[in-house]
């Protein structure tokens, strides 16, 4: 999705609507205080073939050059992901 933003096919505002606001509205989810995702929109990488954390073991994105990378996730005030590493996921 961040690649589509970088290519101008999707705006950042529309991305937020699709991935945050609309799911919250559709499923009647409450606002999560002190919760956010930080991204580096300029980061580029090639989607790896392995390791994949999928049941089928493959992805249509394998080998694609993509833009944008999640750098940090804070959930209810607790940092849970930093630079692609899950730090703490128990009792969230």
PDB file of N, CA and C in Angstrom:
ATOM      1  N   UNK A   1       0.825  -1.186   0.000  1.00  0.00           N
ATOM      2  CA  UNK A   1       0.000   0.000   0.000  1.00  0.00           C
ATOM      3  C   UNK A   1       0.875   1.258   0.000  1.00  0.00           C
ATOM      4  N   UNK A   2       1.989   1.228   0.728  1.00  0.00           N
ATOM      5  CA  UNK A   2       2.889   2.375   0.734  1.00  0.00           C
ATOM      6  C   UNK A   2       3.560   2.559  -0.622  1.00  0.00           C
ATOM      7  N   UNK A   3       3.750   1.485  -1.360  1.00  0.00           N
ATOM      8  CA  UNK A   3       4.276   1.581  -2.725  1.00  0.00           C
ATOM      9  C   UNK A   3       3.279   2.326  -3.605  1.00  0.00           C
ATOM     10  N   UNK A   4       2.005   2.035  -3.450  1.00  0.00           N
ATOM     11  CA  UNK A   4       0.970   2.728  -4.226  1.00  0.00           C
ATOM     12  C   UNK A   4       0.952   4.217  -3.891  1.00  0.00           C
ATOM     13  N   UNK A   5       1.181   4.568  -2.633  1.00  0.00           N
ATOM     14  CA  UNK A   5       1.270   5.978  -2.240  1.00  0.00           C
ATOM     15  C   UNK A   5       2.487   6.613  -2.906  1.00  0.00           C
ATOM     16  N   UNK A   6       3.643   5.937  -2.857  1.00  0.00           N
ATOM     17  CA  UNK A   6       4.871   6.464  -3.454  1.00  0.00           C
ATOM     18  C   UNK A   6       4.716   6.644  -4.967  1.00  0.00           C
ATOM     19  N   UNK A   7       3.937   5.790  -5.605  1.00  0.00           N
ATOM     20  CA  UNK A   7       3.718   5.878  -7.055  1.00  0.00           C
ATOM     21  C   UNK A   7       2.630   6.876  -7.423  1.00  0.00           C
ATOM     22  N   UNK A   8       1.964   7.451  -6.423  1.00  0.00           N
ATOM     23  CA  UNK A   8       0.911   8.423  -6.686  1.00  0.00           C
ATOM     24  C   UNK A   8      -0.422   7.807  -7.054  1.00  0.00           C
ATOM     25  N   UNK A   9      -0.564   6.495  -6.898  1.00  0.00           N
ATOM     26  CA  UNK A   9      -1.833   5.818  -7.217  1.00  0.00           C
ATOM     27  C   UNK A   9      -2.820   5.875  -6.065  1.00  0.00           C
ATOM     28  N   UNK A  10      -2.335   6.270  -4.890  1.00  0.00           N
ATOM     29  CA  UNK A  10      -3.157   6.310  -3.680  1.00  0.00           C
ATOM     30  C   UNK A  10      -2.615   7.441  -2.818  1.00  0.00           C
ATOM     31  N   UNK A  11      -3.492   8.232  -2.227  1.00  0.00           N
ATOM     32  CA  UNK A  11      -3.022   9.300  -1.342  1.00  0.00           C
ATOM     33  C   UNK A  11      -2.823   8.755   0.066  1.00  0.00           C
ATOM     34  N   UNK A  12      -1.995   9.424   0.840  1.00  0.00           N
ATOM     35  CA  UNK A  12      -1.767   9.020   2.231  1.00  0.00           C
ATOM     36  C   UNK A  12      -3.057   9.132   3.034  1.00  0.00           C
ATOM     37  N   UNK A  13      -3.867  10.126   2.732  1.00  0.00           N
ATOM     38  CA  UNK A  13      -5.145  10.294   3.431  1.00  0.00           C
ATOM     39  C   UNK A  13      -6.060   9.107   3.135  1.00  0.00           C
ATOM     40  N   UNK A  14      -6.118   8.690   1.868  1.00  0.00           N
ATOM     41  CA  UNK A  14      -6.963   7.544   1.487  1.00  0.00           C
ATOM     42  C   UNK A  14      -6.441   6.262   2.123  1.00  0.00           C
ATOM     43  N   UNK A  15      -5.117   6.118   2.200  1.00  0.00           N
ATOM     44  CA  UNK A  15      -4.529   4.953   2.860  1.00  0.00           C
ATOM     45  C   UNK A  15      -4.977   4.871   4.313  1.00  0.00           C
ATOM     46  N   UNK A  16      -4.959   5.993   4.996  1.00  0.00           N
ATOM     47  CA  UNK A  16      -5.406   6.024   6.394  1.00  0.00           C
ATOM     48  C   UNK A  16      -6.889   5.651   6.498  1.00  0.00           C
ATOM     49  N   UNK A  17      -7.687   6.135   5.575  1.00  0.00           N
ATOM     50  CA  UNK A  17      -9.114   5.774   5.564  1.00  0.00           C
ATOM     51  C   UNK A  17      -9.289   4.265   5.416  1.00  0.00           C
ATOM     52  N   UNK A  18      -8.561   3.673   4.453  1.00  0.00           N
ATOM     53  CA  UNK A  18      -8.713   2.250   4.156  1.00  0.00           C
ATOM     54  C   UNK A  18      -8.211   1.346   5.274  1.00  0.00           C
ATOM     55  N   UNK A  19      -7.111   1.722   5.906  1.00  0.00           N
ATOM     56  CA  UNK A  19      -6.482   0.822   6.874  1.00  0.00           C
ATOM     57  C   UNK A  19      -6.776   1.145   8.339  1.00  0.00           C
ATOM     58  N   UNK A  20      -7.312   2.328   8.614  1.00  0.00           N
ATOM     59  CA  UNK A  20      -7.553   2.697  10.014  1.00  0.00           C
ATOM     60  C   UNK A  20      -8.991   3.146  10.264  1.00  0.00           C
ATOM     61  N   UNK A  21      -9.386   4.223   9.613  1.00  0.00           N
ATOM     62  CA  UNK A  21     -10.705   4.784   9.930  1.00  0.00           C
ATOM     63  C   UNK A  21     -11.864   3.883   9.524  1.00  0.00           C
ATOM     64  N   UNK A  22     -11.845   3.359   8.293  1.00  0.00           N
ATOM     65  CA  UNK A  22     -12.969   2.535   7.839  1.00  0.00           C
ATOM     66  C   UNK A  22     -13.130   1.245   8.643  1.00  0.00           C
ATOM     67  N   UNK A  23     -12.068   0.478   8.910  1.00  0.00           N
ATOM     68  CA  UNK A  23     -12.251  -0.725   9.741  1.00  0.00           C
ATOM     69  C   UNK A  23     -12.816  -0.394  11.125  1.00  0.00           C
ATOM     70  N   UNK A  24     -12.336   0.733  11.703  1.00  0.00           N
ATOM     71  CA  UNK A  24     -12.848   1.128  13.015  1.00  0.00           C
ATOM     72  C   UNK A  24     -14.348   1.426  12.937  1.00  0.00           C
ATOM     73  N   UNK A  25     -14.756   2.104  11.861  1.00  0.00           N
ATOM     74  CA  UNK A  25     -16.172   2.439  11.682  1.00  0.00           C
ATOM     75  C   UNK A  25     -17.000   1.185  11.378  1.00  0.00           C
ATOM     76  N   UNK A  26     -16.543   0.350  10.448  1.00  0.00           N
ATOM     77  CA  UNK A  26     -17.292  -0.829  10.019  1.00  0.00           C
ATOM     78  C   UNK A  26     -17.508  -1.809  11.167  1.00  0.00           C
ATOM     79  N   UNK A  27     -16.471  -2.026  11.969  1.00  0.00           N
ATOM     80  CA  UNK A  27     -16.554  -2.999  13.062  1.00  0.00           C
ATOM     81  C   UNK A  27     -16.854  -2.365  14.413  1.00  0.00           C
ATOM     82  N   UNK A  28     -17.172  -1.067  14.383  1.00  0.00           N
ATOM     83  CA  UNK A  28     -17.538  -0.341  15.596  1.00  0.00           C
ATOM     84  C   UNK A  28     -16.473  -0.503  16.686  1.00  0.00           C
ATOM     85  N   UNK A  29     -15.220  -0.306  16.302  1.00  0.00           N
ATOM     86  CA  UNK A  29     -14.110  -0.445  17.239  1.00  0.00           C
ATOM     87  C   UNK A  29     -13.838   0.890  17.926  1.00  0.00           C
ATOM     88  N   UNK A  30     -13.469   0.851  19.187  1.00  0.00           N
ATOM     89  CA  UNK A  30     -13.172   2.104  19.885  1.00  0.00           C
ATOM     90  C   UNK A  30     -11.824   2.680  19.455  1.00  0.00           C
ATOM     91  N   UNK A  31     -11.662   3.966  19.665  1.00  0.00           N
ATOM     92  CA  UNK A  31     -10.357   4.600  19.455  1.00  0.00           C
ATOM     93  C   UNK A  31      -9.371   3.951  20.417  1.00  0.00           C
ATOM     94  N   UNK A  32      -8.143   3.773  19.967  1.00  0.00           N
ATOM     95  CA  UNK A  32      -7.102   3.205  20.823  1.00  0.00           C
ATOM     96  C   UNK A  32      -6.182   4.344  21.255  1.00  0.00           C
ATOM     97  N   UNK A  33      -6.284   4.774  22.509  1.00  0.00           N
ATOM     98  CA  UNK A  33      -5.418   5.863  22.955  1.00  0.00           C
ATOM     99  C   UNK A  33      -3.952   5.435  22.920  1.00  0.00           C
ATOM    100  N   UNK A  34      -3.101   6.384  22.622  1.00  0.00           N
ATOM    101  CA  UNK A  34      -1.650   6.156  22.590  1.00  0.00           C
ATOM    102  C   UNK A  34      -1.270   4.981  21.687  1.00  0.00           C
ATOM    103  N   UNK A  35      -1.906   4.897  20.524  1.00  0.00           N
ATOM    104  CA  UNK A  35      -1.638   3.821  19.564  1.00  0.00           C
ATOM    105  C   UNK A  35      -1.339   4.436  18.209  1.00  0.00           C
ATOM    106  N   UNK A  36      -0.192   4.044  17.626  1.00  0.00           N
ATOM    107  CA  UNK A  36       0.150   4.546  16.305  1.00  0.00           C
ATOM    108  C   UNK A  36       1.188   3.661  15.638  1.00  0.00           C
ATOM    109  N   UNK A  37       1.315   3.873  14.327  1.00  0.00           N
ATOM    110  CA  UNK A  37       2.302   3.167  13.508  1.00  0.00           C
ATOM    111  C   UNK A  37       3.167   4.224  12.836  1.00  0.00           C
ATOM    112  N   UNK A  38       4.484   4.086  12.961  1.00  0.00           N
ATOM    113  CA  UNK A  38       5.407   4.993  12.289  1.00  0.00           C
ATOM    114  C   UNK A  38       5.985   4.277  11.075  1.00  0.00           C
ATOM    115  N   UNK A  39       6.100   4.999   9.965  1.00  0.00           N
ATOM    116  CA  UNK A  39       6.645   4.409   8.744  1.00  0.00           C
ATOM    117  C   UNK A  39       7.735   5.312   8.177  1.00  0.00           C
ATOM    118  N   UNK A  40       8.640   4.698   7.440  1.00  0.00           N
ATOM    119  CA  UNK A  40       9.620   5.428   6.649  1.00  0.00           C
ATOM    120  C   UNK A  40       9.160   5.294   5.207  1.00  0.00           C
ATOM    121  N   UNK A  41       8.514   6.326   4.651  1.00  0.00           N
ATOM    122  CA  UNK A  41       7.957   6.210   3.307  1.00  0.00           C
ATOM    123  C   UNK A  41       9.026   6.148   2.221  1.00  0.00           C
ATOM    124  N   UNK A  42      10.262   6.520   2.532  1.00  0.00           N
ATOM    125  CA  UNK A  42      11.338   6.522   1.542  1.00  0.00           C
ATOM    126  C   UNK A  42      12.108   5.204   1.479  1.00  0.00           C
ATOM    127  N   UNK A  43      11.937   4.343   2.489  1.00  0.00           N
ATOM    128  CA  UNK A  43      12.675   3.067   2.519  1.00  0.00           C
ATOM    129  C   UNK A  43      12.255   2.203   1.342  1.00  0.00           C
ATOM    130  N   UNK A  44      13.234   1.539   0.738  1.00  0.00           N
ATOM    131  CA  UNK A  44      12.969   0.620  -0.366  1.00  0.00           C
ATOM    132  C   UNK A  44      13.539  -0.747  -0.007  1.00  0.00           C
ATOM    133  N   UNK A  45      12.855  -1.787  -0.448  1.00  0.00           N
ATOM    134  CA  UNK A  45      13.341  -3.138  -0.199  1.00  0.00           C
ATOM    135  C   UNK A  45      12.724  -4.087  -1.213  1.00  0.00           C
ATOM    136  N   UNK A  46      13.334  -5.235  -1.342  1.00  0.00           N
ATOM    137  CA  UNK A  46      12.790  -6.289  -2.193  1.00  0.00           C
ATOM    138  C   UNK A  46      12.103  -7.291  -1.276  1.00  0.00           C
ATOM    139  N   UNK A  47      10.846  -7.589  -1.583  1.00  0.00           N
ATOM    140  CA  UNK A  47      10.089  -8.530  -0.753  1.00  0.00           C
ATOM    141  C   UNK A  47      10.787  -9.888  -0.789  1.00  0.00           C
ATOM    142  N   UNK A  48      11.111 -10.438   0.380  1.00  0.00           N
ATOM    143  CA  UNK A  48      11.902 -11.672   0.415  1.00  0.00           C
ATOM    144  C   UNK A  48      11.095 -12.914   0.044  1.00  0.00           C
ATOM    145  N   UNK A  49      11.818 -13.914  -0.413  1.00  0.00           N
ATOM    146  CA  UNK A  49      11.190 -15.212  -0.678  1.00  0.00           C
ATOM    147  C   UNK A  49      11.010 -15.974   0.627  1.00  0.00           C
ATOM    148  N   UNK A  50      11.951 -15.806   1.547  1.00  0.00           N
ATOM    149  CA  UNK A  50      11.887 -16.484   2.845  1.00  0.00           C
ATOM    150  C   UNK A  50      12.499 -15.588   3.898  1.00  0.00           C
ATOM    151  N   UNK A  51      12.151 -15.607   5.138  1.00  0.00           N
ATOM    152  CA  UNK A  51      11.083 -16.450   5.671  1.00  0.00           C
ATOM    153  C   UNK A  51       9.724 -15.796   5.448  1.00  0.00           C
ATOM    154  N   UNK A  52       8.774 -16.590   5.123  1.00  0.00           N
ATOM    155  CA  UNK A  52       7.390 -16.134   4.992  1.00  0.00           C
ATOM    156  C   UNK A  52       6.582 -16.717   6.137  1.00  0.00           C
ATOM    157  N   UNK A  53       5.773 -15.887   6.726  1.00  0.00           N
ATOM    158  CA  UNK A  53       4.949 -16.331   7.834  1.00  0.00           C
ATOM    159  C   UNK A  53       3.517 -16.524   7.348  1.00  0.00           C
ATOM    160  N   UNK A  54       3.379 -17.391   6.352  1.00  0.00           N
ATOM    161  CA  UNK A  54       2.063 -17.691   5.808  1.00  0.00           C
ATOM    162  C   UNK A  54       1.851 -19.196   5.836  1.00  0.00           C
ATOM    163  N   UNK A  55       0.614 -19.574   5.856  1.00  0.00           N
ATOM    164  CA  UNK A  55       0.293 -20.997   5.880  1.00  0.00           C
ATOM    165  C   UNK A  55       0.652 -21.671   4.554  1.00  0.00           C
ATOM    166  N   UNK A  56       0.480 -20.939   3.453  1.00  0.00           N
ATOM    167  CA  UNK A  56       0.749 -21.538   2.147  1.00  0.00           C
ATOM    168  C   UNK A  56       2.233 -21.519   1.786  1.00  0.00           C
ATOM    169  N   UNK A  57       3.032 -20.645   2.437  1.00  0.00           N
ATOM    170  CA  UNK A  57       4.465 -20.634   2.205  1.00  0.00           C
ATOM    171  C   UNK A  57       4.929 -19.851   0.990  1.00  0.00           C
ATOM    172  N   UNK A  58       4.036 -19.095   0.339  1.00  0.00           N
ATOM    173  CA  UNK A  58       4.429 -18.284  -0.793  1.00  0.00           C
ATOM    174  C   UNK A  58       3.663 -16.964  -0.766  1.00  0.00           C
ATOM    175  N   UNK A  59       4.103 -16.019  -1.571  1.00  0.00           N
ATOM    176  CA  UNK A  59       3.428 -14.730  -1.663  1.00  0.00           C
ATOM    177  C   UNK A  59       3.525 -14.209  -3.092  1.00  0.00           C
ATOM    178  N   UNK A  60       2.496 -13.547  -3.587  1.00  0.00           N
ATOM    179  CA  UNK A  60       2.577 -12.960  -4.933  1.00  0.00           C
ATOM    180  C   UNK A  60       3.532 -11.770  -4.972  1.00  0.00           C
ATOM    181  N   UNK A  61       3.983 -11.300  -3.810  1.00  0.00           N
ATOM    182  CA  UNK A  61       4.880 -10.146  -3.744  1.00  0.00           C
ATOM    183  C   UNK A  61       6.356 -10.538  -3.774  1.00  0.00           C
ATOM    184  N   UNK A  62       6.674 -11.826  -3.733  1.00  0.00           N
ATOM    185  CA  UNK A  62       8.068 -12.281  -3.717  1.00  0.00           C
ATOM    186  C   UNK A  62       8.855 -11.642  -4.849  1.00  0.00           C
ATOM    187  N   UNK A  63       9.998 -11.053  -4.503  1.00  0.00           N
ATOM    188  CA  UNK A  63      10.888 -10.460  -5.496  1.00  0.00           C
ATOM    189  C   UNK A  63      10.515  -9.065  -5.951  1.00  0.00           C
ATOM    190  N   UNK A  64       9.367  -8.526  -5.509  1.00  0.00           N
ATOM    191  CA  UNK A  64       8.958  -7.184  -5.923  1.00  0.00           C
ATOM    192  C   UNK A  64       9.724  -6.126  -5.146  1.00  0.00           C
ATOM    193  N   UNK A  65      10.101  -5.039  -5.824  1.00  0.00           N
ATOM    194  CA  UNK A  65      10.720  -3.889  -5.165  1.00  0.00           C
ATOM    195  C   UNK A  65       9.585  -3.027  -4.612  1.00  0.00           C
ATOM    196  N   UNK A  66       9.612  -2.783  -3.310  1.00  0.00           N
ATOM    197  CA  UNK A  66       8.543  -2.051  -2.638  1.00  0.00           C
ATOM    198  C   UNK A  66       9.093  -0.814  -1.935  1.00  0.00           C
ATOM    199  N   UNK A  67       8.210   0.151  -1.695  1.00  0.00           N
ATOM    200  CA  UNK A  67       8.577   1.379  -0.988  1.00  0.00           C
ATOM    201  C   UNK A  67       7.791   1.464   0.300  1.00  0.00           C
ATOM    202  N   UNK A  68       8.451   1.999   1.332  1.00  0.00           N
ATOM    203  CA  UNK A  68       7.812   2.217   2.627  1.00  0.00           C
ATOM    204  C   UNK A  68       8.006   1.033   3.546  1.00  0.00           C
ATOM    205  N   UNK A  69       8.381   1.333   4.774  1.00  0.00           N
ATOM    206  CA  UNK A  69       8.618   0.263   5.742  1.00  0.00           C
ATOM    207  C   UNK A  69       8.140   0.736   7.111  1.00  0.00           C
ATOM    208  N   UNK A  70       7.485  -0.154   7.823  1.00  0.00           N
ATOM    209  CA  UNK A  70       7.074   0.155   9.194  1.00  0.00           C
ATOM    210  C   UNK A  70       8.320   0.182  10.058  1.00  0.00           C
ATOM    211  N   UNK A  71       8.507   1.266  10.798  1.00  0.00           N
ATOM    212  CA  UNK A  71       9.683   1.390  11.648  1.00  0.00           C
ATOM    213  C   UNK A  71       9.359   1.190  13.119  1.00  0.00           C
ATOM    214  N   UNK A  72       8.115   1.486  13.498  1.00  0.00           N
ATOM    215  CA  UNK A  72       7.757   1.394  14.919  1.00  0.00           C
ATOM    216  C   UNK A  72       6.249   1.267  15.055  1.00  0.00           C
ATOM    217  N   UNK A  73       5.807   0.456  16.028  1.00  0.00           N
ATOM    218  CA  UNK A  73       4.390   0.339  16.365  1.00  0.00           C
ATOM    219  C   UNK A  73       4.260   0.516  17.868  1.00  0.00           C
ATOM    220  N   UNK A  74       3.378   1.428  18.265  1.00  0.00           N
ATOM    221  CA  UNK A  74       3.077   1.647  19.675  1.00  0.00           C
ATOM    222  C   UNK A  74       1.613   1.307  19.873  1.00  0.00           C
ATOM    223  N   UNK A  75       1.340   0.412  20.802  1.00  0.00           N
ATOM    224  CA  UNK A  75      -0.020  -0.051  21.081  1.00  0.00           C
ATOM    225  C   UNK A  75      -0.360   0.257  22.526  1.00  0.00           C
ATOM    226  N   UNK A  76      -1.334   1.152  22.694  1.00  0.00           N
ATOM    227  CA  UNK A  76      -1.769   1.579  24.027  1.00  0.00           C
ATOM    228  C   UNK A  76      -0.583   2.004  24.897  1.00  0.00           C
ATOM    229  N   UNK A  77       0.321   2.769  24.285  1.00  0.00           N
ATOM    230  CA  UNK A  77       1.446   3.324  25.016  1.00  0.00           C
ATOM    231  C   UNK A  77       2.649   2.413  25.148  1.00  0.00           C
ATOM    232  N   UNK A  78       2.572   1.190  24.644  1.00  0.00           N
ATOM    233  CA  UNK A  78       3.685   0.241  24.738  1.00  0.00           C
ATOM    234  C   UNK A  78       4.266  -0.001  23.358  1.00  0.00           C
ATOM    235  N   UNK A  79       5.566   0.192  23.225  1.00  0.00           N
ATOM    236  CA  UNK A  79       6.227  -0.092  21.960  1.00  0.00           C
ATOM    237  C   UNK A  79       6.259  -1.602  21.772  1.00  0.00           C
ATOM    238  N   UNK A  80       5.688  -2.079  20.675  1.00  0.00           N
ATOM    239  CA  UNK A  80       5.600  -3.527  20.449  1.00  0.00           C
ATOM    240  C   UNK A  80       6.400  -3.982  19.229  1.00  0.00           C
ATOM    241  N   UNK A  81       6.733  -3.061  18.329  1.00  0.00           N
ATOM    242  CA  UNK A  81       7.559  -3.397  17.167  1.00  0.00           C
ATOM    243  C   UNK A  81       8.542  -2.255  16.945  1.00  0.00           C
ATOM    244  N   UNK A  82       9.805  -2.611  16.714  1.00  0.00           N
ATOM    245  CA  UNK A  82      10.829  -1.623  16.360  1.00  0.00           C
ATOM    246  C   UNK A  82      11.704  -2.224  15.270  1.00  0.00           C
ATOM    247  N   UNK A  83      11.784  -1.545  14.136  1.00  0.00           N
ATOM    248  CA  UNK A  83      12.623  -1.974  13.012  1.00  0.00           C
ATOM    249  C   UNK A  83      12.377  -3.425  12.619  1.00  0.00           C
ATOM    250  N   UNK A  84      11.104  -3.816  12.557  1.00  0.00           N
ATOM    251  CA  UNK A  84      10.736  -5.148  12.095  1.00  0.00           C
ATOM    252  C   UNK A  84      10.821  -6.239  13.141  1.00  0.00           C
ATOM    253  N   UNK A  85      11.178  -5.885  14.368  1.00  0.00           N
ATOM    254  CA  UNK A  85      11.310  -6.884  15.434  1.00  0.00           C
ATOM    255  C   UNK A  85      10.172  -6.707  16.436  1.00  0.00           C
ATOM    256  N   UNK A  86       9.441  -7.795  16.696  1.00  0.00           N
ATOM    257  CA  UNK A  86       8.374  -7.765  17.693  1.00  0.00           C
ATOM    258  C   UNK A  86       9.039  -7.775  19.063  1.00  0.00           C
ATOM    259  N   UNK A  87       8.767  -6.737  19.864  1.00  0.00           N
ATOM    260  CA  UNK A  87       9.422  -6.583  21.152  1.00  0.00           C
ATOM    261  C   UNK A  87       8.641  -7.216  22.297  1.00  0.00           C
ATOM    262  N   UNK A  88       7.332  -6.996  22.289  1.00  0.00           N
ATOM    263  CA  UNK A  88       6.519  -7.470  23.399  1.00  0.00           C
ATOM    264  C   UNK A  88       5.091  -7.640  22.905  1.00  0.00           C
ATOM    265  N   UNK A  89       4.569  -8.835  23.007  1.00  0.00           N
ATOM    266  CA  UNK A  89       3.226  -9.072  22.494  1.00  0.00           C
ATOM    267  C   UNK A  89       2.323  -9.725  23.524  1.00  0.00           C
ATOM    268  N   UNK A  90       2.811  -9.995  24.702  1.00  0.00           N
ATOM    269  CA  UNK A  90       1.978 -10.636  25.716  1.00  0.00           C
ATOM    270  C   UNK A  90       1.200  -9.586  26.494  1.00  0.00           C
ATOM    271  N   UNK A  91      -0.013  -9.922  26.852  1.00  0.00           N
ATOM    272  CA  UNK A  91      -0.891  -9.080  27.665  1.00  0.00           C
ATOM    273  C   UNK A  91      -1.073  -7.690  27.076  1.00  0.00           C
ATOM    274  N   UNK A  92      -1.354  -7.654  25.757  1.00  0.00           N
ATOM    275  CA  UNK A  92      -1.616  -6.377  25.111  1.00  0.00           C
ATOM    276  C   UNK A  92      -3.093  -6.105  25.199  1.00  0.00           C
TER     277      UNK A  92
END
